[in-house]
Amino acid sequence: MNTGFKELDKLIDLNEPQLIAITGSTLVDMLSGDIANNICLHQEKEVLEIVSHKKEYLIKRLFVNQTDMGYRNWTLKDKYTDAQLKQIGQATVNLIEVTKRLPTILETEIMNLKDIKQYIEAYANNYADRDTIETLIVLDIFPLNNKYHIEKYEGECVGFIKDISMICKRLKCPILFIYFGDFKRIKSYVDKIIIATDKELQNRDIELRSI
């Protein structure tokens, strides 16, 4: 199982039960979504995405991003050329016809971190007895994706990250999460911290740094 990005796979190994934080750019939610899609669509593995925004956002982007139109254009339908629209249409037909898996997407509007932790544990437990790692959990959740709210609820956020780190190791399930807080208090719980810039992600040039 790999991310689908060669440079990123040099930094992290999804075949190990690692807890991975991604930060730096406001576009990292798109990167995490692409990783989920790559694993589901091209590797036929299971992925759970827990997000704090509408799942329709991810589904729409999943379809359009199969055409490799880039990170910025997929919401700008009036900016597409006729040739690009034809390409998007063909990619959509191809995606509908495949029998491969799609990510399981869970919205968190009515869930707190305690509930999310319990859901992660229950999901990971389904795969714990397998000889090889067959799934990935991706988290883009509030308040971890908002630096101002992390400051306000720092203790709760750190406790949650500690808990999912234990789940990751005990149930042998890699977890990738977006985080925009101070890493000093969580560094001991996280296996890898990946830092990306807007320019790198806009150009799909994943020359990322790990700390």
Protein backbone atom coordinates (compact mmCIF):
# COMPACT_ATOMS: atom_id res chain seq x y z
CA MET A 1 0.00 0.00 0.00
CA ASN A 2 1.42 3.41 -0.99
CA THR A 3 0.32 7.04 -1.25
CA GLY A 4 0.61 7.26 -5.03
CA PHE A 5 3.26 9.99 -4.73
CA LYS A 6 6.84 8.74 -5.14
CA GLU A 7 8.46 11.51 -3.11
CA LEU A 8 5.96 11.10 -0.29
CA ASP A 9 6.48 7.34 -0.21
CA LYS A 10 10.15 7.97 0.47
CA LEU A 11 9.14 9.66 3.73
CA ILE A 12 6.31 7.48 5.01
CA ASP A 13 5.46 3.79 4.86
CA LEU A 14 1.76 2.98 4.90
CA ASN A 15 2.58 -0.69 5.33
CA GLU A 16 3.58 0.08 8.90
CA PRO A 17 1.23 1.21 11.70
CA GLN A 18 2.40 4.83 11.64
CA LEU A 19 0.65 7.96 12.90
CA ILE A 20 1.35 10.65 10.30
CA ALA A 21 0.61 14.38 10.57
CA ILE A 22 0.42 16.61 7.49
CA THR A 23 0.68 20.38 7.80
CA GLY A 24 2.08 23.55 6.24
CA SER A 25 -0.31 24.30 3.37
CA THR A 26 -4.01 25.07 3.31
CA LEU A 27 -4.19 22.58 0.42
CA VAL A 28 -3.14 19.55 2.45
CA ASP A 29 -6.77 18.43 2.67
CA MET A 30 -6.61 17.91 -1.09
CA LEU A 31 -3.41 15.91 -0.74
CA SER A 32 -4.94 13.68 1.94
CA GLY A 33 -8.00 13.17 -0.28
CA ASP A 34 -5.80 12.17 -3.21
CA ILE A 35 -3.97 9.63 -1.06
CA ALA A 36 -7.31 8.11 -0.04
CA ASN A 37 -8.47 7.95 -3.67
CA ASN A 38 -5.19 6.45 -4.89
CA ILE A 39 -5.39 3.66 -2.34
CA CYS A 40 -9.06 2.89 -2.99
CA LEU A 41 -9.28 3.26 -6.76
CA HIS A 42 -5.87 2.05 -7.85
CA GLN A 43 -4.88 -0.38 -5.09
CA GLU A 44 -8.35 -1.63 -4.08
CA LYS A 45 -7.73 -1.17 -0.36
CA GLU A 46 -10.18 0.15 2.21
CA VAL A 47 -9.95 3.76 3.41
CA LEU A 48 -11.96 5.57 6.06
CA GLU A 49 -12.08 9.36 5.68
CA ILE A 50 -13.45 11.32 8.64
CA VAL A 51 -13.99 14.94 7.68
CA SER A 52 -15.43 18.12 9.16
CA HIS A 53 -16.89 19.32 5.85
CA LYS A 54 -19.58 17.94 3.55
CA LYS A 55 -18.78 14.59 1.98
CA GLU A 56 -20.18 15.86 -1.33
CA TYR A 57 -17.05 18.02 -1.53
CA LEU A 58 -14.86 14.90 -1.50
CA ILE A 59 -17.06 12.96 -3.90
CA LYS A 60 -17.10 15.81 -6.45
CA ARG A 61 -13.37 16.18 -6.26
CA LEU A 62 -12.84 12.42 -6.49
CA PHE A 63 -14.57 12.40 -9.88
CA VAL A 64 -12.87 15.47 -11.35
CA ASN A 65 -9.43 14.70 -9.98
CA GLN A 66 -9.30 11.43 -11.93
CA THR A 67 -8.68 13.62 -14.99
CA ASP A 68 -5.54 15.14 -13.38
CA MET A 69 -6.74 18.72 -13.96
CA GLY A 70 -4.88 20.06 -10.93
CA TYR A 71 -5.82 21.26 -7.48
CA ARG A 72 -7.19 24.69 -8.31
CA ASN A 73 -9.38 24.11 -11.37
CA TRP A 74 -11.74 21.42 -10.21
CA THR A 75 -14.28 23.86 -8.68
CA LEU A 76 -14.07 26.37 -11.53
CA LYS A 77 -16.36 24.80 -14.10
CA ASP A 78 -16.49 27.96 -16.25
CA LYS A 79 -12.70 27.80 -16.67
CA TYR A 80 -12.62 24.42 -18.44
CA THR A 81 -12.06 24.16 -22.16
CA ASP A 82 -14.28 21.91 -24.27
CA ALA A 83 -11.45 19.40 -24.48
CA GLN A 84 -11.08 19.37 -20.69
CA LEU A 85 -14.83 18.92 -20.21
CA LYS A 86 -14.73 15.95 -22.59
CA GLN A 87 -11.84 14.52 -20.61
CA ILE A 88 -13.73 14.96 -17.35
CA GLY A 89 -16.79 13.29 -18.83
CA GLN A 90 -14.83 10.27 -20.00
CA ALA A 91 -13.07 9.96 -16.64
CA THR A 92 -16.44 10.10 -14.88
CA VAL A 93 -17.81 7.30 -17.06
CA ASN A 94 -14.71 5.23 -16.37
CA LEU A 95 -15.05 5.78 -12.64
CA ILE A 96 -18.73 4.83 -12.60
CA GLU A 97 -18.00 1.61 -14.46
CA VAL A 98 -15.19 0.36 -12.22
CA THR A 99 -15.91 -2.22 -9.56
CA LYS A 100 -13.16 -1.01 -7.28
CA ARG A 101 -13.78 0.39 -3.83
CA LEU A 102 -14.51 3.99 -2.94
CA PRO A 103 -13.53 5.60 0.37
CA THR A 104 -15.89 5.36 3.31
CA ILE A 105 -16.61 9.00 4.18
CA LEU A 106 -17.92 10.07 7.59
CA GLU A 107 -18.97 13.66 8.39
CA THR A 108 -18.29 14.87 11.93
CA GLU A 109 -20.73 17.74 12.37
CA ILE A 110 -22.43 16.07 15.34
CA MET A 111 -19.41 14.17 16.68
CA ASN A 112 -16.85 15.23 19.26
CA LEU A 113 -13.28 13.93 19.53
CA LYS A 114 -14.30 11.25 22.03
CA ASP A 115 -16.90 9.86 19.62
CA ILE A 116 -14.44 10.01 16.73
CA LYS A 117 -11.86 8.08 18.74
CA GLN A 118 -14.38 5.35 19.48
CA TYR A 119 -15.35 5.11 15.82
CA ILE A 120 -11.68 4.90 14.76
CA GLU A 121 -11.06 2.15 17.27
CA ALA A 122 -14.08 0.15 16.13
CA TYR A 123 -13.10 0.51 12.47
CA ALA A 124 -9.44 -0.39 13.01
CA ASN A 125 -10.41 -3.40 15.10
CA ASN A 126 -12.00 -4.97 12.02
CA TYR A 127 -8.55 -5.22 10.40
CA ALA A 128 -6.39 -5.91 13.43
CA ASP A 129 -6.04 -9.67 12.91
CA ARG A 130 -4.90 -9.53 9.28
CA ASP A 131 -1.36 -10.53 8.38
CA THR A 132 -0.78 -7.39 6.29
CA ILE A 133 -2.10 -3.86 6.61
CA GLU A 134 -5.17 -3.51 4.41
CA THR A 135 -6.59 -0.12 5.34
CA LEU A 136 -5.82 3.54 6.07
CA ILE A 137 -7.66 6.13 8.18
CA VAL A 138 -7.54 9.77 7.04
CA LEU A 139 -8.65 12.56 9.40
CA ASP A 140 -9.46 16.14 8.37
CA ILE A 141 -11.41 17.11 11.46
CA PHE A 142 -12.25 20.05 13.67
CA PRO A 143 -10.51 21.30 15.76
CA LEU A 144 -7.25 19.69 14.55
CA ASN A 145 -7.47 21.52 11.21
CA ASN A 146 -7.92 24.97 12.80
CA LYS A 147 -4.96 26.50 14.62
CA TYR A 148 -7.09 28.96 16.62
CA HIS A 149 -9.30 26.24 18.02
CA ILE A 150 -6.31 24.00 18.73
CA GLU A 151 -4.99 26.78 20.97
CA LYS A 152 -8.34 26.92 22.76
CA TYR A 153 -8.74 23.14 23.11
CA GLU A 154 -5.08 22.15 23.15
CA GLY A 155 -5.37 19.69 26.03
CA GLU A 156 -8.26 17.86 24.41
CA CYS A 157 -6.45 17.78 21.04
CA VAL A 158 -3.22 16.42 22.53
CA GLY A 159 -5.16 13.77 24.45
CA PHE A 160 -6.96 12.71 21.29
CA ILE A 161 -3.70 12.40 19.33
CA LYS A 162 -2.20 10.34 22.14
CA ASP A 163 -5.22 8.04 22.06
CA ILE A 164 -5.19 7.48 18.30
CA SER A 165 -1.44 6.86 18.45
CA MET A 166 -2.12 3.96 20.82
CA ILE A 167 -4.91 2.68 18.55
CA CYS A 168 -2.60 2.91 15.55
CA LYS A 169 0.05 0.73 17.17
CA ARG A 170 -2.21 -1.69 19.05
CA LEU A 171 -4.53 -2.42 16.12
CA LYS A 172 -1.84 -2.07 13.42
CA CYS A 173 -3.69 0.57 11.43
CA PRO A 174 -1.90 3.57 9.84
CA ILE A 175 -3.59 6.92 10.49
CA LEU A 176 -2.96 10.15 8.60
CA PHE A 177 -4.29 13.42 10.00
CA ILE A 178 -4.18 17.12 9.17
CA TYR A 179 -2.85 19.32 11.97
CA PHE A 180 -2.24 23.07 12.22
CA GLY A 181 -1.08 23.35 15.82
CA ASP A 182 2.20 23.44 17.72
CA PHE A 183 3.96 20.10 17.29
CA LYS A 184 6.01 20.32 20.47
CA ARG A 185 3.36 18.65 22.63
CA ILE A 186 2.42 15.90 20.17
CA LYS A 187 5.80 15.05 18.66
CA SER A 188 6.32 12.10 20.99
CA TYR A 189 3.07 10.51 19.76
CA VAL A 190 3.54 11.08 16.01
CA ASP A 191 5.79 8.92 13.83
CA LYS A 192 6.08 11.37 10.93
CA ILE A 193 5.30 15.05 10.45
CA ILE A 194 5.06 16.04 6.78
CA ILE A 195 5.30 19.73 5.83
CA ALA A 196 4.08 20.89 2.41
CA THR A 197 3.85 24.30 0.74
CA ASP A 198 1.10 25.74 -1.46
CA LYS A 199 3.44 25.91 -4.45
CA GLU A 200 4.40 22.26 -4.18
CA LEU A 201 0.81 21.08 -3.97
CA GLN A 202 -0.52 23.37 -6.71
CA ASN A 203 2.13 22.02 -9.04
CA ARG A 204 1.59 18.45 -7.81
CA ASP A 205 5.31 18.48 -7.05
CA ILE A 206 5.43 16.58 -3.79
CA GLU A 207 8.91 17.49 -2.60
CA LEU A 208 7.90 17.44 1.02
CA ARG A 209 9.89 17.76 4.22
CA SER A 210 9.69 15.44 7.19
CA ILE A 211 10.51 16.37 10.79
